[in-house]
């Protein structure tokens, strides 16, 4: 199974098999990665416009409209955390750089709120554990590959 296939399966699981919720979470992930590219890459005007359209599509998505209050709050929190990570990723302080590296995964919080909405607190905690362990395994694999 590829990394993408694994993550799509994990999203479906986190969303309790709710196709509308899974579509929303996938769109959030694509949007967050595209927004990150706006910060990190030299993007042309067409890509920037595409990101604006992605935002419009996200905030008019049926799942977002049903659960706008909790989703808007977590997305706003993710954006704030992301802004902090961007500010600290180039810091001279290694602890700030380490924090920034971990904080860049803040988009996962949207998935966890969706899991909570659909499955409750205990389900959210189980999904959080699965995703954190998955990311830890990816990080370990990257370190081994870099040494290799």
N, C-alpha and C. Protein backbone atom coordinates (compact mmCIF):
# COMPACT_ATOMS: atom_id res chain seq x y z
N UNK A 1 0.85 -1.17 0.00
CA UNK A 1 0.00 0.00 0.00
C UNK A 1 0.90 1.24 0.00
N UNK A 2 0.59 2.20 -0.86
CA UNK A 2 1.38 3.43 -0.91
C UNK A 2 1.02 4.34 0.27
N UNK A 3 1.87 5.33 0.49
CA UNK A 3 1.61 6.31 1.56
C UNK A 3 0.26 7.00 1.33
N UNK A 4 0.00 7.41 0.10
CA UNK A 4 -1.26 8.07 -0.22
C UNK A 4 -2.45 7.16 0.05
N UNK A 5 -2.37 5.90 -0.40
CA UNK A 5 -3.46 4.97 -0.16
C UNK A 5 -3.69 4.75 1.33
N UNK A 6 -2.59 4.65 2.08
CA UNK A 6 -2.70 4.47 3.53
C UNK A 6 -3.39 5.66 4.17
N UNK A 7 -2.99 6.86 3.78
CA UNK A 7 -3.58 8.06 4.38
C UNK A 7 -5.04 8.23 3.99
N UNK A 8 -5.39 7.88 2.77
CA UNK A 8 -6.80 7.95 2.37
C UNK A 8 -7.65 6.96 3.17
N UNK A 9 -7.11 5.78 3.39
CA UNK A 9 -7.80 4.79 4.21
C UNK A 9 -7.95 5.28 5.65
N UNK A 10 -6.90 5.90 6.17
CA UNK A 10 -6.95 6.41 7.54
C UNK A 10 -7.97 7.56 7.66
N UNK A 11 -8.06 8.39 6.62
CA UNK A 11 -9.06 9.46 6.63
C UNK A 11 -10.47 8.87 6.64
N UNK A 12 -10.71 7.89 5.79
CA UNK A 12 -12.03 7.24 5.77
C UNK A 12 -12.37 6.66 7.14
N UNK A 13 -11.39 6.01 7.76
CA UNK A 13 -11.60 5.44 9.10
C UNK A 13 -11.89 6.55 10.11
N UNK A 14 -11.10 7.63 10.08
CA UNK A 14 -11.30 8.74 11.02
C UNK A 14 -12.68 9.36 10.88
N UNK A 15 -13.22 9.30 9.66
CA UNK A 15 -14.52 9.90 9.38
C UNK A 15 -15.67 8.89 9.50
N UNK A 16 -15.41 7.78 10.16
CA UNK A 16 -16.45 6.77 10.42
C UNK A 16 -17.13 6.29 9.14
N UNK A 17 -16.39 6.32 8.02
CA UNK A 17 -16.97 5.90 6.75
C UNK A 17 -17.92 6.91 6.13
N UNK A 18 -18.03 8.11 6.70
CA UNK A 18 -18.90 9.15 6.18
C UNK A 18 -18.20 9.79 4.97
N UNK A 19 -18.72 9.53 3.78
CA UNK A 19 -18.07 9.98 2.54
C UNK A 19 -17.99 11.51 2.46
N UNK A 20 -19.02 12.19 2.91
CA UNK A 20 -19.03 13.66 2.86
C UNK A 20 -17.94 14.23 3.78
N UNK A 21 -17.82 13.67 4.96
CA UNK A 21 -16.79 14.11 5.90
C UNK A 21 -15.39 13.82 5.37
N UNK A 22 -15.21 12.62 4.80
CA UNK A 22 -13.90 12.25 4.25
C UNK A 22 -13.52 13.17 3.10
N UNK A 23 -14.47 13.51 2.26
CA UNK A 23 -14.21 14.45 1.17
C UNK A 23 -13.77 15.80 1.73
N UNK A 24 -14.45 16.27 2.77
CA UNK A 24 -14.07 17.53 3.40
C UNK A 24 -12.65 17.47 3.96
N UNK A 25 -12.33 16.41 4.69
CA UNK A 25 -10.99 16.28 5.28
C UNK A 25 -9.93 16.23 4.20
N UNK A 26 -10.18 15.49 3.13
CA UNK A 26 -9.21 15.45 2.02
C UNK A 26 -9.02 16.84 1.43
N UNK A 27 -10.10 17.58 1.26
CA UNK A 27 -9.99 18.94 0.72
C UNK A 27 -9.23 19.86 1.66
N UNK A 28 -9.44 19.72 2.97
CA UNK A 28 -8.69 20.51 3.94
C UNK A 28 -7.20 20.22 3.79
N UNK A 29 -6.84 18.96 3.69
CA UNK A 29 -5.43 18.60 3.57
C UNK A 29 -4.80 19.18 2.31
N UNK A 30 -5.49 19.07 1.19
CA UNK A 30 -4.98 19.62 -0.07
C UNK A 30 -4.85 21.14 0.04
N UNK A 31 -5.85 21.76 0.61
CA UNK A 31 -5.83 23.22 0.78
C UNK A 31 -4.68 23.67 1.68
N UNK A 32 -4.50 23.00 2.81
CA UNK A 32 -3.41 23.37 3.73
C UNK A 32 -2.06 23.20 3.06
N UNK A 33 -1.88 22.12 2.30
CA UNK A 33 -0.60 21.92 1.60
C UNK A 33 -0.38 23.00 0.54
N UNK A 34 -1.45 23.36 -0.15
CA UNK A 34 -1.33 24.41 -1.17
C UNK A 34 -1.02 25.76 -0.51
N UNK A 35 -1.66 26.04 0.61
CA UNK A 35 -1.38 27.30 1.33
C UNK A 35 0.08 27.32 1.80
N UNK A 36 0.58 26.17 2.25
CA UNK A 36 1.99 26.06 2.63
C UNK A 36 2.90 26.35 1.44
N UNK A 37 2.52 25.86 0.26
CA UNK A 37 3.31 26.14 -0.94
C UNK A 37 3.35 27.64 -1.24
N UNK A 38 2.26 28.34 -0.94
CA UNK A 38 2.25 29.80 -1.15
C UNK A 38 3.34 30.47 -0.31
N UNK A 39 3.60 29.93 0.88
CA UNK A 39 4.62 30.48 1.77
C UNK A 39 6.01 30.02 1.37
N UNK A 40 6.15 28.73 1.06
CA UNK A 40 7.47 28.13 0.86
C UNK A 40 7.99 28.14 -0.57
N UNK A 41 7.13 28.26 -1.53
CA UNK A 41 7.53 28.13 -2.94
C UNK A 41 7.31 29.43 -3.70
N UNK A 42 7.94 29.51 -4.86
CA UNK A 42 7.73 30.63 -5.76
C UNK A 42 6.58 30.23 -6.68
N UNK A 43 5.37 30.67 -6.35
CA UNK A 43 4.16 30.23 -7.06
C UNK A 43 3.72 31.28 -8.07
N UNK A 44 3.22 30.79 -9.21
CA UNK A 44 2.71 31.72 -10.22
C UNK A 44 1.30 32.18 -9.86
N UNK A 45 0.83 33.19 -10.57
CA UNK A 45 -0.47 33.79 -10.28
C UNK A 45 -1.60 32.77 -10.41
N UNK A 46 -1.53 31.89 -11.40
CA UNK A 46 -2.59 30.91 -11.62
C UNK A 46 -2.73 29.98 -10.42
N UNK A 47 -1.59 29.56 -9.83
CA UNK A 47 -1.64 28.71 -8.65
C UNK A 47 -2.26 29.46 -7.47
N UNK A 48 -1.90 30.72 -7.30
CA UNK A 48 -2.45 31.53 -6.20
C UNK A 48 -3.97 31.66 -6.34
N UNK A 49 -4.43 31.85 -7.56
CA UNK A 49 -5.87 31.94 -7.81
C UNK A 49 -6.54 30.60 -7.51
N UNK A 50 -5.89 29.51 -7.89
CA UNK A 50 -6.41 28.18 -7.61
C UNK A 50 -6.59 27.98 -6.10
N UNK A 51 -5.65 28.46 -5.30
CA UNK A 51 -5.76 28.34 -3.85
C UNK A 51 -6.96 29.14 -3.33
N UNK A 52 -7.21 30.30 -3.91
CA UNK A 52 -8.39 31.08 -3.52
C UNK A 52 -9.69 30.30 -3.81
N UNK A 53 -9.73 29.65 -4.95
CA UNK A 53 -10.90 28.85 -5.31
C UNK A 53 -11.04 27.65 -4.36
N UNK A 54 -9.90 27.05 -4.00
CA UNK A 54 -9.94 25.93 -3.05
C UNK A 54 -10.55 26.39 -1.73
N UNK A 55 -10.20 27.58 -1.27
CA UNK A 55 -10.75 28.10 -0.02
C UNK A 55 -12.26 28.29 -0.14
N UNK A 56 -12.69 28.86 -1.25
CA UNK A 56 -14.13 29.07 -1.45
C UNK A 56 -14.87 27.74 -1.46
N UNK A 57 -14.30 26.75 -2.13
CA UNK A 57 -14.92 25.43 -2.17
C UNK A 57 -14.96 24.79 -0.78
N UNK A 58 -13.90 24.98 -0.01
CA UNK A 58 -13.83 24.39 1.33
C UNK A 58 -14.88 24.98 2.25
N UNK A 59 -14.99 26.29 2.25
CA UNK A 59 -15.91 26.96 3.18
C UNK A 59 -17.36 26.94 2.72
N UNK A 60 -17.61 26.36 1.55
CA UNK A 60 -18.99 26.15 1.11
C UNK A 60 -19.30 24.65 1.00
N UNK A 61 -18.39 23.83 1.46
CA UNK A 61 -18.59 22.37 1.42
C UNK A 61 -19.76 22.00 2.34
N UNK A 62 -20.61 21.07 1.92
CA UNK A 62 -21.77 20.69 2.75
C UNK A 62 -21.41 20.27 4.18
N UNK A 63 -20.32 19.52 4.35
CA UNK A 63 -19.96 19.10 5.70
C UNK A 63 -19.53 20.30 6.54
N UNK A 64 -18.79 21.22 5.94
CA UNK A 64 -18.40 22.42 6.67
C UNK A 64 -19.64 23.22 7.08
N UNK A 65 -20.57 23.37 6.17
CA UNK A 65 -21.77 24.16 6.47
C UNK A 65 -22.58 23.55 7.61
N UNK A 66 -22.62 22.22 7.70
CA UNK A 66 -23.35 21.56 8.78
C UNK A 66 -22.68 21.76 10.14
N UNK A 67 -21.36 21.82 10.14
CA UNK A 67 -20.59 21.87 11.39
C UNK A 67 -19.64 23.06 11.42
N UNK A 68 -20.10 24.19 10.88
CA UNK A 68 -19.24 25.36 10.71
C UNK A 68 -18.64 25.85 12.02
N UNK A 69 -19.41 25.83 13.09
CA UNK A 69 -18.89 26.40 14.33
C UNK A 69 -17.64 25.68 14.83
N UNK A 70 -17.67 24.37 15.07
CA UNK A 70 -16.44 23.72 15.53
C UNK A 70 -15.36 23.66 14.46
N UNK A 71 -15.74 23.53 13.20
CA UNK A 71 -14.72 23.44 12.15
C UNK A 71 -14.03 24.78 11.92
N UNK A 72 -14.78 25.85 11.94
CA UNK A 72 -14.16 27.17 11.78
C UNK A 72 -13.17 27.43 12.92
N UNK A 73 -13.55 27.07 14.13
CA UNK A 73 -12.67 27.29 15.27
C UNK A 73 -11.37 26.51 15.14
N UNK A 74 -11.44 25.24 14.75
CA UNK A 74 -10.22 24.45 14.66
C UNK A 74 -9.37 24.88 13.46
N UNK A 75 -9.99 25.25 12.36
CA UNK A 75 -9.22 25.71 11.20
C UNK A 75 -8.50 27.01 11.54
N UNK A 76 -9.16 27.90 12.24
CA UNK A 76 -8.53 29.16 12.65
C UNK A 76 -7.36 28.88 13.60
N UNK A 77 -7.52 27.94 14.51
CA UNK A 77 -6.44 27.56 15.41
C UNK A 77 -5.27 26.97 14.64
N UNK A 78 -5.57 26.12 13.65
CA UNK A 78 -4.51 25.55 12.82
C UNK A 78 -3.73 26.63 12.07
N UNK A 79 -4.44 27.60 11.55
CA UNK A 79 -3.77 28.68 10.83
C UNK A 79 -2.86 29.46 11.77
N UNK A 80 -3.31 29.71 12.98
CA UNK A 80 -2.48 30.41 13.96
C UNK A 80 -1.25 29.59 14.33
N UNK A 81 -1.43 28.31 14.56
CA UNK A 81 -0.30 27.43 14.89
C UNK A 81 0.68 27.37 13.71
N UNK A 82 0.14 27.28 12.51
CA UNK A 82 0.98 27.26 11.32
C UNK A 82 1.80 28.56 11.22
N UNK A 83 1.17 29.70 11.49
CA UNK A 83 1.88 30.98 11.45
C UNK A 83 3.04 30.99 12.46
N UNK A 84 2.80 30.43 13.64
CA UNK A 84 3.87 30.33 14.63
C UNK A 84 4.99 29.42 14.15
N UNK A 85 4.63 28.31 13.50
CA UNK A 85 5.66 27.39 13.02
C UNK A 85 6.51 28.03 11.92
N UNK A 86 5.88 28.81 11.05
CA UNK A 86 6.62 29.51 10.01
C UNK A 86 7.59 30.51 10.64
N UNK A 87 7.12 31.20 11.67
CA UNK A 87 7.97 32.19 12.36
C UNK A 87 9.18 31.55 13.02
N UNK A 88 9.02 30.32 13.50
CA UNK A 88 10.09 29.68 14.26
C UNK A 88 10.92 28.66 13.46
N UNK A 89 10.49 28.29 12.27
CA UNK A 89 11.22 27.23 11.56
C UNK A 89 12.65 27.60 11.20
N UNK A 90 12.94 28.87 11.06
CA UNK A 90 14.30 29.31 10.74
C UNK A 90 15.04 29.89 11.93
N UNK A 91 14.52 29.65 13.13
CA UNK A 91 15.10 30.21 14.35
C UNK A 91 16.51 29.68 14.60
N UNK A 92 17.32 30.49 15.27
CA UNK A 92 18.64 30.04 15.72
C UNK A 92 18.52 29.09 16.90
N UNK A 93 17.39 29.12 17.56
CA UNK A 93 17.14 28.28 18.74
C UNK A 93 16.66 26.90 18.28
N UNK A 94 17.44 25.84 18.55
CA UNK A 94 17.04 24.50 18.09
C UNK A 94 15.72 24.02 18.70
N UNK A 95 15.40 24.45 19.92
CA UNK A 95 14.12 24.05 20.52
C UNK A 95 12.94 24.65 19.76
N UNK A 96 13.10 25.89 19.32
CA UNK A 96 12.03 26.51 18.52
C UNK A 96 11.88 25.81 17.18
N UNK A 97 13.00 25.45 16.55
CA UNK A 97 12.94 24.74 15.27
C UNK A 97 12.27 23.37 15.45
N UNK A 98 12.59 22.68 16.53
CA UNK A 98 11.97 21.38 16.81
C UNK A 98 10.47 21.55 17.01
N UNK A 99 10.08 22.56 17.80
CA UNK A 99 8.65 22.81 18.01
C UNK A 99 7.97 23.11 16.67
N UNK A 100 8.60 23.94 15.85
CA UNK A 100 8.02 24.31 14.55
C UNK A 100 7.84 23.07 13.67
N UNK A 101 8.80 22.15 13.72
CA UNK A 101 8.70 20.94 12.92
C UNK A 101 7.51 20.09 13.35
N UNK A 102 7.27 20.01 14.63
CA UNK A 102 6.11 19.25 15.12
C UNK A 102 4.81 19.99 14.85
N UNK A 103 4.82 21.30 15.01
CA UNK A 103 3.60 22.10 14.85
C UNK A 103 3.08 22.09 13.42
N UNK A 104 3.95 21.78 12.47
CA UNK A 104 3.50 21.78 11.07
C UNK A 104 2.46 20.69 10.80
N UNK A 105 2.28 19.78 11.73
CA UNK A 105 1.26 18.73 11.60
C UNK A 105 -0.08 19.17 12.20
N UNK A 106 -0.23 20.43 12.50
CA UNK A 106 -1.43 20.92 13.18
C UNK A 106 -2.71 20.68 12.38
N UNK A 107 -2.61 20.53 11.08
CA UNK A 107 -3.79 20.26 10.27
C UNK A 107 -4.51 18.98 10.66
N UNK A 108 -3.78 18.07 11.31
CA UNK A 108 -4.39 16.85 11.81
C UNK A 108 -5.54 17.16 12.78
N UNK A 109 -5.46 18.29 13.45
CA UNK A 109 -6.51 18.64 14.41
C UNK A 109 -7.88 18.76 13.74
N UNK A 110 -7.92 19.15 12.47
CA UNK A 110 -9.20 19.19 11.77
C UNK A 110 -9.77 17.78 11.66
N UNK A 111 -8.92 16.83 11.29
CA UNK A 111 -9.36 15.43 11.20
C UNK A 111 -9.88 14.94 12.54
N UNK A 112 -9.19 15.33 13.61
CA UNK A 112 -9.60 14.88 14.94
C UNK A 112 -10.92 15.49 15.37
N UNK A 113 -11.16 16.73 15.02
CA UNK A 113 -12.46 17.34 15.34
C UNK A 113 -13.57 16.64 14.55
N UNK A 114 -13.31 16.30 13.29
CA UNK A 114 -14.30 15.56 12.51
C UNK A 114 -14.56 14.20 13.16
N UNK A 115 -13.51 13.52 13.60
CA UNK A 115 -13.68 12.23 14.28
C UNK A 115 -14.53 12.40 15.54
N UNK A 116 -14.31 13.49 16.26
CA UNK A 116 -15.08 13.78 17.47
C UNK A 116 -16.54 14.06 17.15
N UNK A 117 -16.78 14.85 16.12
CA UNK A 117 -18.16 15.16 15.70
C UNK A 117 -18.92 13.88 15.37
N UNK A 118 -18.26 12.99 14.65
CA UNK A 118 -18.93 11.79 14.14
C UNK A 118 -18.90 10.60 15.09
N UNK A 119 -17.84 10.53 15.92
CA UNK A 119 -17.69 9.33 16.74
C UNK A 119 -17.54 9.57 18.23
N UNK A 120 -17.43 10.82 18.64
CA UNK A 120 -17.29 11.13 20.06
C UNK A 120 -15.84 11.17 20.53
N UNK A 121 -15.70 11.52 21.81
CA UNK A 121 -14.39 11.73 22.42
C UNK A 121 -13.48 10.51 22.36
N UNK A 122 -13.98 9.36 22.79
CA UNK A 122 -13.15 8.15 22.82
C UNK A 122 -12.67 7.79 21.42
N UNK A 123 -13.56 7.95 20.44
CA UNK A 123 -13.17 7.66 19.06
C UNK A 123 -12.09 8.63 18.60
N UNK A 124 -12.26 9.90 18.92
CA UNK A 124 -11.26 10.91 18.57
C UNK A 124 -9.90 10.52 19.15
N UNK A 125 -9.87 10.12 20.41
CA UNK A 125 -8.60 9.76 21.07
C UNK A 125 -7.96 8.56 20.39
N UNK A 126 -8.77 7.58 19.98
CA UNK A 126 -8.23 6.41 19.29
C UNK A 126 -7.64 6.81 17.93
N UNK A 127 -8.34 7.67 17.21
CA UNK A 127 -7.85 8.15 15.91
C UNK A 127 -6.57 8.95 16.11
N UNK A 128 -6.52 9.79 17.14
CA UNK A 128 -5.32 10.58 17.41
C UNK A 128 -4.11 9.67 17.62
N UNK A 129 -4.31 8.62 18.38
CA UNK A 129 -3.21 7.68 18.64
C UNK A 129 -2.74 7.03 17.34
N UNK A 130 -3.67 6.60 16.51
CA UNK A 130 -3.32 5.98 15.23
C UNK A 130 -2.50 6.93 14.35
N UNK A 131 -2.95 8.17 14.24
CA UNK A 131 -2.27 9.14 13.39
C UNK A 131 -0.90 9.53 13.95
N UNK A 132 -0.81 9.73 15.25
CA UNK A 132 0.48 10.09 15.84
C UNK A 132 1.49 8.97 15.67
N UNK A 133 1.06 7.72 15.87
CA UNK A 133 1.96 6.59 15.67
C UNK A 133 2.36 6.47 14.20
N UNK A 134 1.43 6.72 13.31
CA UNK A 134 1.72 6.69 11.87
C UNK A 134 2.79 7.73 11.52
N UNK A 135 2.60 8.95 12.01
CA UNK A 135 3.58 10.01 11.73
C UNK A 135 4.94 9.71 12.35
N UNK A 136 4.94 9.09 13.52
CA UNK A 136 6.20 8.72 14.14
C UNK A 136 6.92 7.68 13.28
N UNK A 137 6.19 6.71 12.76
CA UNK A 137 6.80 5.71 11.89
C UNK A 137 7.35 6.32 10.61
N UNK A 138 6.62 7.29 10.05
CA UNK A 138 7.12 7.99 8.86
C UNK A 138 8.42 8.72 9.17
N UNK A 139 8.46 9.40 10.30
CA UNK A 139 9.66 10.15 10.70
C UNK A 139 10.84 9.21 10.89
N UNK A 140 10.62 8.08 11.52
CA UNK A 140 11.69 7.10 11.72
C UNK A 140 12.18 6.55 10.37
N UNK A 141 11.27 6.28 9.48
CA UNK A 141 11.65 5.77 8.15
C UNK A 141 12.47 6.81 7.39
N UNK A 142 12.09 8.08 7.50
CA UNK A 142 12.84 9.16 6.83
C UNK A 142 14.25 9.26 7.40
N UNK A 143 14.39 9.13 8.71
CA UNK A 143 15.73 9.19 9.34
C UNK A 143 16.59 8.03 8.87
N UNK A 144 16.01 6.84 8.82
CA UNK A 144 16.76 5.68 8.36
C UNK A 144 17.16 5.82 6.90
N UNK A 145 16.28 6.34 6.09
CA UNK A 145 16.56 6.54 4.68
C UNK A 145 17.65 7.58 4.48
N UNK A 146 17.64 8.63 5.29
CA UNK A 146 18.66 9.68 5.20
C UNK A 146 20.04 9.14 5.56
N UNK A 147 20.09 8.20 6.53
CA UNK A 147 21.36 7.61 6.94
C UNK A 147 21.89 6.62 5.91
N UNK A 148 20.96 6.03 5.19
CA UNK A 148 21.16 4.91 4.39
C UNK A 148 21.94 4.79 3.24
